[in-house]
Protein backbone atom coordinates (compact mmCIF):
# COMPACT_ATOMS: atom_id res chain seq x y z
CA MET A 1 14.73 13.23 -7.88
CA LYS A 2 14.88 11.55 -4.48
CA ARG A 3 11.66 10.01 -3.31
CA ILE A 4 10.63 10.69 0.29
CA LYS A 5 9.01 7.86 2.25
CA PHE A 6 6.38 9.01 4.72
CA THR A 7 5.26 7.00 7.72
CA GLU A 8 1.64 6.14 8.39
CA SER A 9 1.47 8.63 11.24
CA GLN A 10 2.77 11.44 9.00
CA ILE A 11 0.19 10.66 6.33
CA VAL A 12 -2.68 10.54 8.83
CA LYS A 13 -1.45 13.76 10.48
CA ALA A 14 -1.41 15.56 7.11
CA ILE A 15 -4.93 14.38 6.28
CA LYS A 16 -6.19 15.43 9.73
CA GLU A 17 -4.64 18.89 9.31
CA HIS A 18 -6.48 19.27 6.01
CA GLU A 19 -9.74 18.17 7.63
CA ASN A 20 -9.19 20.78 10.34
CA GLY A 21 -9.10 23.52 7.73
CA LYS A 22 -5.49 23.84 6.58
CA ASN A 23 -4.98 24.67 2.91
CA VAL A 24 -3.88 21.78 0.66
CA HIS A 25 -1.26 23.88 -1.12
CA ASP A 26 0.33 24.92 2.18
CA LEU A 27 0.42 21.32 3.40
CA CYS A 28 1.98 20.13 0.17
CA ARG A 29 4.61 22.86 0.30
CA GLU A 30 5.52 21.91 3.89
CA LEU A 31 5.77 18.20 3.08
CA ALA A 32 7.43 18.77 -0.32
CA ILE A 33 4.86 16.67 -2.17
CA SER A 34 2.56 17.36 -5.10
CA THR A 35 -1.13 18.04 -4.64
CA ALA A 36 -1.86 14.89 -6.65
CA ALA A 37 0.09 12.84 -4.10
CA PHE A 38 -1.88 14.40 -1.26
CA TYR A 39 -5.21 13.68 -2.93
CA LYS A 40 -4.13 10.07 -3.52
CA TRP A 41 -3.32 9.79 0.18
CA ARG A 42 -6.68 11.27 1.07
CA GLN A 43 -8.50 8.93 -1.29
CA ARG A 44 -6.70 5.88 0.03
CA TYR A 45 -6.28 6.68 3.73
CA GLY A 46 -9.02 9.21 4.45
CA GLY A 47 -10.94 8.55 7.66
CA MET A 48 -8.37 6.11 9.02
CA GLU A 49 -6.40 6.25 12.22
CA VAL A 50 -2.73 5.26 12.53
CA LYS A 51 -3.64 1.89 14.04
CA GLU A 52 -6.00 1.03 11.18
CA LEU A 53 -3.46 2.16 8.62
CA SER A 54 -0.72 -0.05 10.04
CA LYS A 55 -3.16 -2.97 10.08
CA LEU A 56 -3.96 -2.29 6.40
CA LYS A 57 -0.25 -2.31 5.52
CA ALA A 58 0.21 -5.64 7.33
CA LEU A 59 -2.75 -7.16 5.47
CA GLU A 60 -1.40 -5.94 2.13
CA GLU A 61 1.99 -7.53 2.87
CA GLU A 62 0.34 -10.80 3.88
CA ASN A 63 -1.80 -10.76 0.74
CA ALA A 64 1.29 -10.29 -1.45
CA ARG A 65 3.03 -13.16 0.35
CA LEU A 66 0.02 -15.45 -0.12
CA LYS A 67 -0.23 -14.59 -3.82
CA LYS A 68 3.43 -15.45 -4.28
CA MET A 69 2.93 -18.76 -2.43
CA TYR A 70 -0.06 -19.60 -4.64
CA ALA A 71 1.91 -18.86 -7.80
CA ASN A 72 4.77 -21.11 -6.68
CA LEU A 73 2.42 -23.93 -5.73
CA SER A 74 0.56 -23.74 -9.02
CA LEU A 75 3.87 -24.00 -10.90
CA VAL A 76 4.86 -27.06 -8.87
CA HIS A 77 1.45 -28.58 -9.54
CA GLU A 78 1.84 -28.06 -13.29
CA VAL A 79 5.29 -29.68 -13.25
CA PHE A 80 3.96 -32.73 -11.38
CA LYS A 81 1.04 -32.94 -13.76
CA GLU A 82 3.38 -32.94 -16.77
CA ALA A 83 5.61 -35.57 -15.15
CA VAL A 84 2.65 -37.89 -14.54
CA GLU A 85 1.39 -37.45 -18.11
CA LYS A 86 4.83 -38.28 -19.55
CA LYS A 87 5.03 -41.49 -17.49
CA LEU A 88 1.73 -42.70 -18.84
């Protein structure tokens, strides 16, 4: 089954429509998603605007990049540590 990628503005728009009184089942049918997916969106992005959501995505990407950098640096540190111990 092909997975559909929704933009931040589409997610926020769907949540706003639900807050304005539209039925969850109707929204899910229109967007071709499950109700569980909608409730996950609402739990994660509820109360946010598009600008805040894009900022959150950027912070998550930066956090992943920093974690990867830390992992690489810790590996290099361990290698240097082992090299120094072998010399002694």
